[in-house]
Amino acid sequence: MAIFYKKSNRLFAAFELTEPISEARASSSGKYASLALSVRFHDADEMVRFDEQLKSVPGLKMVL
């Protein structure tokens, strides 16, 4: 989790985050955590670029 927060500023600097990244919930074992972030996209290409950035995050399992 700390790695994600550390890299998030660099990963998402080119995007308009409308709220800070926050930890929404952790699994009972502590192995997984849910994070919430809100992004404003200005066009479809920007959304694709954001998706590509998310795919580069080590350990990321799912994006909704």
C-alpha atoms as a PDB file:
ATOM      1  CA  MET A   1       0.000   0.000   0.000  1.00  0.00           C
ATOM      2  CA  ALA A   2       2.769   2.412   0.888  1.00  0.00           C
ATOM      3  CA  ILE A   3       4.397   1.787  -2.487  1.00  0.00           C
ATOM      4  CA  PHE A   4       1.196   2.795  -4.264  1.00  0.00           C
ATOM      5  CA  TYR A   5       0.884   6.035  -2.309  1.00  0.00           C
ATOM      6  CA  LYS A   6       4.557   6.813  -2.883  1.00  0.00           C
ATOM      7  CA  LYS A   7       4.276   6.327  -6.658  1.00  0.00           C
ATOM      8  CA  SER A   8       0.777   7.773  -7.070  1.00  0.00           C
ATOM      9  CA  ASN A   9       1.908  11.394  -7.293  1.00  0.00           C
ATOM     10  CA  ARG A  10       4.213  10.529 -10.178  1.00  0.00           C
ATOM     11  CA  LEU A  11       1.761   8.148 -11.865  1.00  0.00           C
ATOM     12  CA  PHE A  12      -1.200  10.488 -11.810  1.00  0.00           C
ATOM     13  CA  ALA A  13       0.478  13.896 -12.052  1.00  0.00           C
ATOM     14  CA  ALA A  14      -0.807  14.381 -15.597  1.00  0.00           C
ATOM     15  CA  PHE A  15      -4.437  13.781 -14.571  1.00  0.00           C
ATOM     16  CA  GLU A  16      -6.963  15.890 -12.722  1.00  0.00           C
ATOM     17  CA  LEU A  17      -7.684  14.086  -9.454  1.00  0.00           C
ATOM     18  CA  THR A  18     -10.772  15.753  -8.008  1.00  0.00           C
ATOM     19  CA  GLU A  19     -10.176  14.256  -4.542  1.00  0.00           C
ATOM     20  CA  PRO A  20      -7.109  12.833  -2.804  1.00  0.00           C
ATOM     21  CA  ILE A  21      -6.552   9.084  -3.019  1.00  0.00           C
ATOM     22  CA  SER A  22      -8.028   7.479   0.069  1.00  0.00           C
ATOM     23  CA  GLU A  23      -8.066   4.006   1.546  1.00  0.00           C
ATOM     24  CA  ALA A  24     -11.682   2.863   1.521  1.00  0.00           C
ATOM     25  CA  ARG A  25     -11.448  -0.572   3.141  1.00  0.00           C
ATOM     26  CA  ALA A  26      -9.012  -3.376   3.920  1.00  0.00           C
ATOM     27  CA  SER A  27      -9.672  -7.104   3.908  1.00  0.00           C
ATOM     28  CA  SER A  28      -9.979  -8.815   7.280  1.00  0.00           C
ATOM     29  CA  SER A  29      -6.588 -10.488   6.742  1.00  0.00           C
ATOM     30  CA  GLY A  30      -4.992  -7.192   5.717  1.00  0.00           C
ATOM     31  CA  LYS A  31      -3.751  -8.712   2.474  1.00  0.00           C
ATOM     32  CA  TYR A  32      -5.920  -6.531   0.224  1.00  0.00           C
ATOM     33  CA  ALA A  33      -7.088  -2.943   0.415  1.00  0.00           C
ATOM     34  CA  SER A  34      -9.642  -0.938  -1.497  1.00  0.00           C
ATOM     35  CA  LEU A  35      -8.658   2.527  -2.602  1.00  0.00           C
ATOM     36  CA  ALA A  36     -10.899   5.292  -3.847  1.00  0.00           C
ATOM     37  CA  LEU A  37      -9.953   8.046  -6.234  1.00  0.00           C
ATOM     38  CA  SER A  38     -11.886  10.384  -8.413  1.00  0.00           C
ATOM     39  CA  VAL A  39     -10.565  11.642 -11.748  1.00  0.00           C
ATOM     40  CA  ARG A  40     -11.982  14.150 -14.232  1.00  0.00           C
ATOM     41  CA  PHE A  41     -11.304  13.132 -17.841  1.00  0.00           C
ATOM     42  CA  HIS A  42     -11.451  15.656 -20.643  1.00  0.00           C
ATOM     43  CA  ASP A  43     -11.598  13.154 -23.499  1.00  0.00           C
ATOM     44  CA  ALA A  44     -11.549   9.424 -24.253  1.00  0.00           C
ATOM     45  CA  ASP A  45      -7.807   9.424 -25.003  1.00  0.00           C
ATOM     46  CA  GLU A  46      -7.090  10.713 -21.524  1.00  0.00           C
ATOM     47  CA  MET A  47      -9.164   7.883 -20.059  1.00  0.00           C
ATOM     48  CA  VAL A  48      -7.131   5.348 -22.058  1.00  0.00           C
ATOM     49  CA  ARG A  49      -3.863   6.895 -20.835  1.00  0.00           C
ATOM     50  CA  PHE A  50      -5.105   6.716 -17.247  1.00  0.00           C
ATOM     51  CA  ASP A  51      -6.021   3.046 -17.700  1.00  0.00           C
ATOM     52  CA  GLU A  52      -2.518   2.360 -19.026  1.00  0.00           C
ATOM     53  CA  GLN A  53      -1.009   4.036 -15.956  1.00  0.00           C
ATOM     54  CA  LEU A  54      -3.148   1.906 -13.653  1.00  0.00           C
ATOM     55  CA  LYS A  55      -2.046  -1.269 -15.431  1.00  0.00           C
ATOM     56  CA  SER A  56       1.573  -0.347 -14.640  1.00  0.00           C
ATOM     57  CA  VAL A  57       0.959  -0.434 -10.869  1.00  0.00           C
ATOM     58  CA  PRO A  58       2.572  -3.564  -9.378  1.00  0.00           C
ATOM     59  CA  GLY A  59       0.180  -5.670  -7.320  1.00  0.00           C
ATOM     60  CA  LEU A  60      -2.988  -3.999  -8.604  1.00  0.00           C
ATOM     61  CA  LYS A  61      -5.598  -6.747  -8.944  1.00  0.00           C
ATOM     62  CA  MET A  62      -8.811  -5.067 -10.102  1.00  0.00           C
ATOM     63  CA  VAL A  63     -10.130  -1.699 -11.240  1.00  0.00           C
ATOM     64  CA  LEU A  64     -13.803  -0.768 -11.225  1.00  0.00           C
END
